All heavy atoms as atom14 arrays in JSON, in Angstrom:
{
  "sequence": "LNWAQHLLRAGAEDATALVCLQEGGGPARQITFG",
  "atom14_mask": [
    [1, 1, 1, 1, 1, 1, 1, 1, 0, 0, 0, 0, 0, 0],
    [1, 1, 1, 1, 1, 1, 1, 1, 0, 0, 0, 0, 0, 0],
    [1, 1, 1, 1, 1, 1, 1, 1, 1, 1, 1, 1, 1, 1],
    [1, 1, 1, 1, 1, 0, 0, 0, 0, 0, 0, 0, 0, 0],
    [1, 1, 1, 1, 1, 1, 1, 1, 1, 0, 0, 0, 0, 0],
    [1, 1, 1, 1, 1, 1, 1, 1, 1, 1, 0, 0, 0, 0],
    [1, 1, 1, 1, 1, 1, 1, 1, 0, 0, 0, 0, 0, 0],
    [1, 1, 1, 1, 1, 1, 1, 1, 0, 0, 0, 0, 0, 0],
    [1, 1, 1, 1, 1, 1, 1, 1, 1, 1, 1, 0, 0, 0],
    [1, 1, 1, 1, 1, 0, 0, 0, 0, 0, 0, 0, 0, 0],
    [1, 1, 1, 1, 0, 0, 0, 0, 0, 0, 0, 0, 0, 0],
    [1, 1, 1, 1, 1, 0, 0, 0, 0, 0, 0, 0, 0, 0],
    [1, 1, 1, 1, 1, 1, 1, 1, 1, 0, 0, 0, 0, 0],
    [1, 1, 1, 1, 1, 1, 1, 1, 0, 0, 0, 0, 0, 0],
    [1, 1, 1, 1, 1, 0, 0, 0, 0, 0, 0, 0, 0, 0],
    [1, 1, 1, 1, 1, 1, 1, 0, 0, 0, 0, 0, 0, 0],
    [1, 1, 1, 1, 1, 0, 0, 0, 0, 0, 0, 0, 0, 0],
    [1, 1, 1, 1, 1, 1, 1, 1, 0, 0, 0, 0, 0, 0],
    [1, 1, 1, 1, 1, 1, 1, 0, 0, 0, 0, 0, 0, 0],
    [1, 1, 1, 1, 1, 1, 0, 0, 0, 0, 0, 0, 0, 0],
    [1, 1, 1, 1, 1, 1, 1, 1, 0, 0, 0, 0, 0, 0],
    [1, 1, 1, 1, 1, 1, 1, 1, 1, 0, 0, 0, 0, 0],
    [1, 1, 1, 1, 1, 1, 1, 1, 1, 0, 0, 0, 0, 0],
    [1, 1, 1, 1, 0, 0, 0, 0, 0, 0, 0, 0, 0, 0],
    [1, 1, 1, 1, 0, 0, 0, 0, 0, 0, 0, 0, 0, 0],
    [1, 1, 1, 1, 0, 0, 0, 0, 0, 0, 0, 0, 0, 0],
    [1, 1, 1, 1, 1, 1, 1, 0, 0, 0, 0, 0, 0, 0],
    [1, 1, 1, 1, 1, 0, 0, 0, 0, 0, 0, 0, 0, 0],
    [1, 1, 1, 1, 1, 1, 1, 1, 1, 1, 1, 0, 0, 0],
    [1, 1, 1, 1, 1, 1, 1, 1, 1, 0, 0, 0, 0, 0],
    [1, 1, 1, 1, 1, 1, 1, 1, 0, 0, 0, 0, 0, 0],
    [1, 1, 1, 1, 1, 1, 1, 0, 0, 0, 0, 0, 0, 0],
    [1, 1, 1, 1, 1, 1, 1, 1, 1, 1, 1, 0, 0, 0],
    [1, 1, 1, 1, 0, 0, 0, 0, 0, 0, 0, 0, 0, 0]
  ],
  "atom14_positions": [
    [[10.32, 19.22, -8.45], [9.41, 18.07, -8.42], [9.33, 17.57, -6.99], [9.95, 18.14, -6.08], [9.9, 16.95, -9.35], [11.05, 16.05, -8.87], [11.17, 14.82, -9.76], [12.38, 16.79, -8.81], [0.0, 0.0, 0.0], [0.0, 0.0, 0.0], [0.0, 0.0, 0.0], [0.0, 0.0, 0.0], [0.0, 0.0, 0.0], [0.0, 0.0, 0.0]],
    [[8.56, 16.49, -6.78], [8.52, 15.85, -5.47], [8.41, 14.34, -5.67], [7.5, 13.86, -6.35], [7.35, 16.36, -4.62], [7.43, 15.88, -3.18], [7.2, 14.72, -2.89], [7.76, 16.8, -2.28], [0.0, 0.0, 0.0], [0.0, 0.0, 0.0], [0.0, 0.0, 0.0], [0.0, 0.0, 0.0], [0.0, 0.0, 0.0], [0.0, 0.0, 0.0]],
    [[9.36, 13.62, -5.11], [9.4, 12.15, -5.25], [8.12, 11.49, -4.77], [7.57, 10.62, -5.43], [10.62, 11.64, -4.49], [10.7, 10.16, -4.29], [11.08, 9.23, -5.21], [10.41, 9.44, -3.09], [11.05, 7.97, -4.65], [10.64, 8.07, -3.36], [9.98, 9.81, -1.81], [10.45, 7.08, -2.38], [9.79, 8.84, -0.85], [10.03, 7.49, -1.14]],
    [[7.63, 11.89, -3.59], [6.45, 11.24, -3.02], [5.23, 11.39, -3.92], [4.38, 10.48, -3.98], [6.17, 11.81, -1.63], [0.0, 0.0, 0.0], [0.0, 0.0, 0.0], [0.0, 0.0, 0.0], [0.0, 0.0, 0.0], [0.0, 0.0, 0.0], [0.0, 0.0, 0.0], [0.0, 0.0, 0.0], [0.0, 0.0, 0.0], [0.0, 0.0, 0.0]],
    [[5.1, 12.5, -4.59], [3.96, 12.71, -5.5], [3.93, 11.63, -6.56], [2.86, 11.12, -6.92], [4.06, 14.09, -6.14], [2.93, 14.39, -7.1], [3.07, 15.77, -7.73], [4.04, 16.49, -7.46], [2.11, 16.16, -8.55], [0.0, 0.0, 0.0], [0.0, 0.0, 0.0], [0.0, 0.0, 0.0], [0.0, 0.0, 0.0], [0.0, 0.0, 0.0]],
    [[5.09, 11.23, -7.06], [5.14, 10.23, -8.13], [4.84, 8.82, -7.61], [4.41, 7.96, -8.38], [6.5, 10.28, -8.82], [6.71, 11.53, -9.61], [7.18, 12.7, -9.04], [6.49, 11.81, -10.91], [7.24, 13.64, -9.98], [6.84, 13.12, -11.12], [0.0, 0.0, 0.0], [0.0, 0.0, 0.0], [0.0, 0.0, 0.0], [0.0, 0.0, 0.0]],
    [[5.05, 8.58, -6.33], [4.73, 7.27, -5.78], [3.25, 7.1, -5.48], [2.76, 5.96, -5.42], [5.53, 7.02, -4.49], [6.88, 6.31, -4.7], [7.88, 7.24, -5.36], [7.43, 5.78, -3.39], [0.0, 0.0, 0.0], [0.0, 0.0, 0.0], [0.0, 0.0, 0.0], [0.0, 0.0, 0.0], [0.0, 0.0, 0.0], [0.0, 0.0, 0.0]],
    [[2.54, 8.2, -5.31], [1.15, 8.11, -4.87], [0.14, 8.46, -5.95], [-1.05, 8.52, -5.68], [0.94, 9.02, -3.65], [1.68, 8.57, -2.38], [1.53, 9.6, -1.28], [1.16, 7.22, -1.91], [0.0, 0.0, 0.0], [0.0, 0.0, 0.0], [0.0, 0.0, 0.0], [0.0, 0.0, 0.0], [0.0, 0.0, 0.0], [0.0, 0.0, 0.0]],
    [[0.59, 8.67, -7.18], [-0.35, 9.12, -8.2], [-0.93, 7.99, -9.04], [-1.93, 8.18, -9.73], [0.33, 10.13, -9.12], [1.36, 9.53, -10.05], [2.04, 10.56, -10.93], [2.87, 9.92, -11.93], [3.59, 10.56, -12.84], [3.59, 11.89, -12.84], [4.31, 9.89, -13.72], [0.0, 0.0, 0.0], [0.0, 0.0, 0.0], [0.0, 0.0, 0.0]],
    [[-0.33, 6.76, -9.0], [-0.69, 5.75, -10.0], [-1.82, 4.82, -9.57], [-2.69, 4.5, -10.37], [0.55, 4.91, -10.36], [0.0, 0.0, 0.0], [0.0, 0.0, 0.0], [0.0, 0.0, 0.0], [0.0, 0.0, 0.0], [0.0, 0.0, 0.0], [0.0, 0.0, 0.0], [0.0, 0.0, 0.0], [0.0, 0.0, 0.0], [0.0, 0.0, 0.0]],
    [[-1.81, 4.34, -8.35], [-2.74, 3.29, -7.95], [-4.18, 3.76, -7.83], [-4.45, 4.87, -7.34], [0.0, 0.0, 0.0], [0.0, 0.0, 0.0], [0.0, 0.0, 0.0], [0.0, 0.0, 0.0], [0.0, 0.0, 0.0], [0.0, 0.0, 0.0], [0.0, 0.0, 0.0], [0.0, 0.0, 0.0], [0.0, 0.0, 0.0], [0.0, 0.0, 0.0]],
    [[-5.11, 2.93, -8.24], [-6.53, 3.23, -8.06], [-6.86, 3.28, -6.57], [-6.21, 2.63, -5.75], [-7.38, 2.17, -8.75], [0.0, 0.0, 0.0], [0.0, 0.0, 0.0], [0.0, 0.0, 0.0], [0.0, 0.0, 0.0], [0.0, 0.0, 0.0], [0.0, 0.0, 0.0], [0.0, 0.0, 0.0], [0.0, 0.0, 0.0], [0.0, 0.0, 0.0]],
    [[-7.9, 4.04, -6.22], [-8.23, 4.25, -4.81], [-8.41, 2.94, -4.06], [-7.96, 2.78, -2.93], [-9.51, 5.09, -4.69], [-9.3, 6.57, -4.91], [-8.58, 7.23, -3.75], [-9.14, 7.29, -2.63], [-7.43, 7.69, -3.95], [0.0, 0.0, 0.0], [0.0, 0.0, 0.0], [0.0, 0.0, 0.0], [0.0, 0.0, 0.0], [0.0, 0.0, 0.0]],
    [[-9.08, 1.95, -4.69], [-9.37, 0.7, -3.99], [-8.35, -0.39, -4.29], [-8.52, -1.53, -3.86], [-10.77, 0.21, -4.34], [-10.96, -0.03, -5.84], [-10.06, 0.34, -6.62], [-12.01, -0.57, -6.23], [0.0, 0.0, 0.0], [0.0, 0.0, 0.0], [0.0, 0.0, 0.0], [0.0, 0.0, 0.0], [0.0, 0.0, 0.0], [0.0, 0.0, 0.0]],
    [[-7.29, -0.07, -5.01], [-6.25, -1.06, -5.31], [-5.31, -1.19, -4.11], [-5.05, -0.23, -3.39], [-5.45, -0.64, -6.55], [0.0, 0.0, 0.0], [0.0, 0.0, 0.0], [0.0, 0.0, 0.0], [0.0, 0.0, 0.0], [0.0, 0.0, 0.0], [0.0, 0.0, 0.0], [0.0, 0.0, 0.0], [0.0, 0.0, 0.0], [0.0, 0.0, 0.0]],
    [[-4.8, -2.39, -3.89], [-3.92, -2.64, -2.76], [-2.56, -2.0, -3.0], [-1.94, -2.21, -4.04], [-3.75, -4.15, -2.52], [-5.03, -4.73, -2.26], [-2.82, -4.42, -1.35], [0.0, 0.0, 0.0], [0.0, 0.0, 0.0], [0.0, 0.0, 0.0], [0.0, 0.0, 0.0], [0.0, 0.0, 0.0], [0.0, 0.0, 0.0], [0.0, 0.0, 0.0]],
    [[-2.1, -1.24, -2.0], [-0.77, -0.63, -2.06], [0.22, -1.39, -1.19], [1.35, -1.63, -1.59], [-0.84, 0.83, -1.62], [0.0, 0.0, 0.0], [0.0, 0.0, 0.0], [0.0, 0.0, 0.0], [0.0, 0.0, 0.0], [0.0, 0.0, 0.0], [0.0, 0.0, 0.0], [0.0, 0.0, 0.0], [0.0, 0.0, 0.0], [0.0, 0.0, 0.0]],
    [[-0.2, -1.77, 0.02], [0.69, -2.44, 0.97], [0.02, -3.7, 1.51], [-1.16, -3.69, 1.85], [1.02, -1.52, 2.16], [1.55, -0.11, 1.85], [1.74, 0.67, 3.14], [2.83, -0.18, 1.06], [0.0, 0.0, 0.0], [0.0, 0.0, 0.0], [0.0, 0.0, 0.0], [0.0, 0.0, 0.0], [0.0, 0.0, 0.0], [0.0, 0.0, 0.0]],
    [[0.78, -4.79, 1.56], [0.37, -6.02, 2.23], [1.38, -6.26, 3.33], [2.56, -6.51, 3.05], [0.33, -7.21, 1.26], [-0.16, -8.47, 1.97], [-0.54, -6.91, 0.05], [0.0, 0.0, 0.0], [0.0, 0.0, 0.0], [0.0, 0.0, 0.0], [0.0, 0.0, 0.0], [0.0, 0.0, 0.0], [0.0, 0.0, 0.0], [0.0, 0.0, 0.0]],
    [[0.94, -6.19, 4.58], [1.87, -6.19, 5.71], [1.7, -7.47, 6.53], [0.59, -7.78, 6.99], [1.63, -4.98, 6.61], [1.51, -3.41, 5.71], [0.0, 0.0, 0.0], [0.0, 0.0, 0.0], [0.0, 0.0, 0.0], [0.0, 0.0, 0.0], [0.0, 0.0, 0.0], [0.0, 0.0, 0.0], [0.0, 0.0, 0.0], [0.0, 0.0, 0.0]],
    [[2.8, -8.21, 6.72], [2.79, -9.43, 7.5], [3.96, -9.42, 8.46], [4.93, -8.7, 8.27], [2.9, -10.67, 6.6], [1.91, -10.87, 5.48], [2.47, -10.3, 4.18], [1.58, -12.34, 5.3], [0.0, 0.0, 0.0], [0.0, 0.0, 0.0], [0.0, 0.0, 0.0], [0.0, 0.0, 0.0], [0.0, 0.0, 0.0], [0.0, 0.0, 0.0]],
    [[3.84, -10.25, 9.49], [4.94, -10.37, 10.42], [5.23, -11.83, 10.7], [4.41, -12.71, 10.45], [4.64, -9.64, 11.73], [3.52, -10.25, 12.55], [3.1, -9.35, 13.7], [2.91, -8.14, 13.52], [2.96, -9.93, 14.88], [0.0, 0.0, 0.0], [0.0, 0.0, 0.0], [0.0, 0.0, 0.0], [0.0, 0.0, 0.0], [0.0, 0.0, 0.0]],
    [[6.41, -12.07, 11.2], [6.84, -13.42, 11.52], [5.83, -14.1, 12.45], [5.31, -13.48, 13.37], [8.22, -13.35, 12.2], [8.82, -14.67, 12.58], [10.11, -14.49, 13.36], [11.09, -14.02, 12.77], [10.11, -14.81, 14.55], [0.0, 0.0, 0.0], [0.0, 0.0, 0.0], [0.0, 0.0, 0.0], [0.0, 0.0, 0.0], [0.0, 0.0, 0.0]],
    [[5.59, -15.36, 12.18], [4.66, -16.12, 13.02], [3.27, -16.22, 12.46], [2.38, -16.81, 13.08], [0.0, 0.0, 0.0], [0.0, 0.0, 0.0], [0.0, 0.0, 0.0], [0.0, 0.0, 0.0], [0.0, 0.0, 0.0], [0.0, 0.0, 0.0], [0.0, 0.0, 0.0], [0.0, 0.0, 0.0], [0.0, 0.0, 0.0], [0.0, 0.0, 0.0]],
    [[3.04, -15.63, 11.28], [1.71, -15.73, 10.67], [0.77, -14.65, 11.17], [1.18, -13.54, 11.48], [0.0, 0.0, 0.0], [0.0, 0.0, 0.0], [0.0, 0.0, 0.0], [0.0, 0.0, 0.0], [0.0, 0.0, 0.0], [0.0, 0.0, 0.0], [0.0, 0.0, 0.0], [0.0, 0.0, 0.0], [0.0, 0.0, 0.0], [0.0, 0.0, 0.0]],
    [[-0.49, -14.99, 11.25], [-1.49, -14.0, 11.62], [-2.04, -13.32, 10.39], [-1.49, -13.44, 9.29], [0.0, 0.0, 0.0], [0.0, 0.0, 0.0], [0.0, 0.0, 0.0], [0.0, 0.0, 0.0], [0.0, 0.0, 0.0], [0.0, 0.0, 0.0], [0.0, 0.0, 0.0], [0.0, 0.0, 0.0], [0.0, 0.0, 0.0], [0.0, 0.0, 0.0]],
    [[-3.13, -12.59, 10.55], [-3.76, -11.95, 9.39], [-2.88, -10.85, 8.8], [-2.16, -10.15, 9.51], [-5.05, -11.37, 9.96], [-4.78, -11.2, 11.43], [-3.86, -12.31, 11.81], [0.0, 0.0, 0.0], [0.0, 0.0, 0.0], [0.0, 0.0, 0.0], [0.0, 0.0, 0.0], [0.0, 0.0, 0.0], [0.0, 0.0, 0.0], [0.0, 0.0, 0.0]],
    [[-2.95, -10.73, 7.49], [-2.21, -9.66, 6.81], [-2.99, -8.36, 6.93], [-4.23, -8.35, 6.93], [-2.0, -10.01, 5.34], [0.0, 0.0, 0.0], [0.0, 0.0, 0.0], [0.0, 0.0, 0.0], [0.0, 0.0, 0.0], [0.0, 0.0, 0.0], [0.0, 0.0, 0.0], [0.0, 0.0, 0.0], [0.0, 0.0, 0.0], [0.0, 0.0, 0.0]],
    [[-2.28, -7.27, 7.03], [-2.88, -5.94, 7.02], [-2.77, -5.4, 5.6], [-1.67, -5.21, 5.1], [-2.18, -5.01, 8.01], [-2.13, -5.54, 9.42], [-1.46, -4.56, 10.4], [-0.09, -4.24, 10.06], [0.96, -5.01, 10.35], [0.77, -6.17, 10.95], [2.19, -4.64, 10.03], [0.0, 0.0, 0.0], [0.0, 0.0, 0.0], [0.0, 0.0, 0.0]],
    [[-3.88, -5.17, 4.95], [-3.88, -4.67, 3.58], [-4.32, -3.21, 3.58], [-5.33, -2.85, 4.19], [-4.8, -5.5, 2.69], [-4.34, -6.95, 2.57], [-4.74, -7.59, 1.26], [-4.98, -6.9, 0.26], [-4.8, -8.91, 1.25], [0.0, 0.0, 0.0], [0.0, 0.0, 0.0], [0.0, 0.0, 0.0], [0.0, 0.0, 0.0], [0.0, 0.0, 0.0]],
    [[-3.54, -2.39, 2.91], [-3.8, -0.95, 2.85], [-3.93, -0.56, 1.39], [-3.04, -0.81, 0.58], [-2.65, -0.17, 3.52], [-2.56, -0.55, 5.01], [-2.84, 1.33, 3.37], [-1.36, 0.04, 5.72], [0.0, 0.0, 0.0], [0.0, 0.0, 0.0], [0.0, 0.0, 0.0], [0.0, 0.0, 0.0], [0.0, 0.0, 0.0], [0.0, 0.0, 0.0]],
    [[-5.04, 0.05, 1.04], [-5.27, 0.47, -0.34], [-4.51, 1.75, -0.63], [-4.04, 2.45, 0.27], [-6.75, 0.7, -0.59], [-7.18, 1.81, 0.23], [-7.59, -0.53, -0.28], [0.0, 0.0, 0.0], [0.0, 0.0, 0.0], [0.0, 0.0, 0.0], [0.0, 0.0, 0.0], [0.0, 0.0, 0.0], [0.0, 0.0, 0.0], [0.0, 0.0, 0.0]],
    [[-4.41, 2.07, -1.91], [-3.79, 3.34, -2.29], [-4.58, 4.51, -1.72], [-4.0, 5.53, -1.32], [-3.68, 3.45, -3.81], [-2.42, 2.86, -4.37], [-2.4, 1.56, -4.84], [-1.25, 3.6, -4.42], [-1.23, 1.0, -5.36], [-0.07, 3.06, -4.93], [-0.07, 1.76, -5.41], [0.0, 0.0, 0.0], [0.0, 0.0, 0.0], [0.0, 0.0, 0.0]],
    [[-5.88, 4.38, -1.66], [-6.69, 5.45, -1.09], [-6.37, 5.69, 0.37], [-6.19, 6.84, 0.81], [0.0, 0.0, 0.0], [0.0, 0.0, 0.0], [0.0, 0.0, 0.0], [0.0, 0.0, 0.0], [0.0, 0.0, 0.0], [0.0, 0.0, 0.0], [0.0, 0.0, 0.0], [0.0, 0.0, 0.0], [0.0, 0.0, 0.0], [0.0, 0.0, 0.0]]
  ]
}
């Protein structure tokens, strides 16, 4: 099997996978599953 395959198979293409923020505020970087 492959672990990474199981992490990337579920989310819809346009669904958010990662919301990235850093200390001090600023805009969030949103990355979809696609």
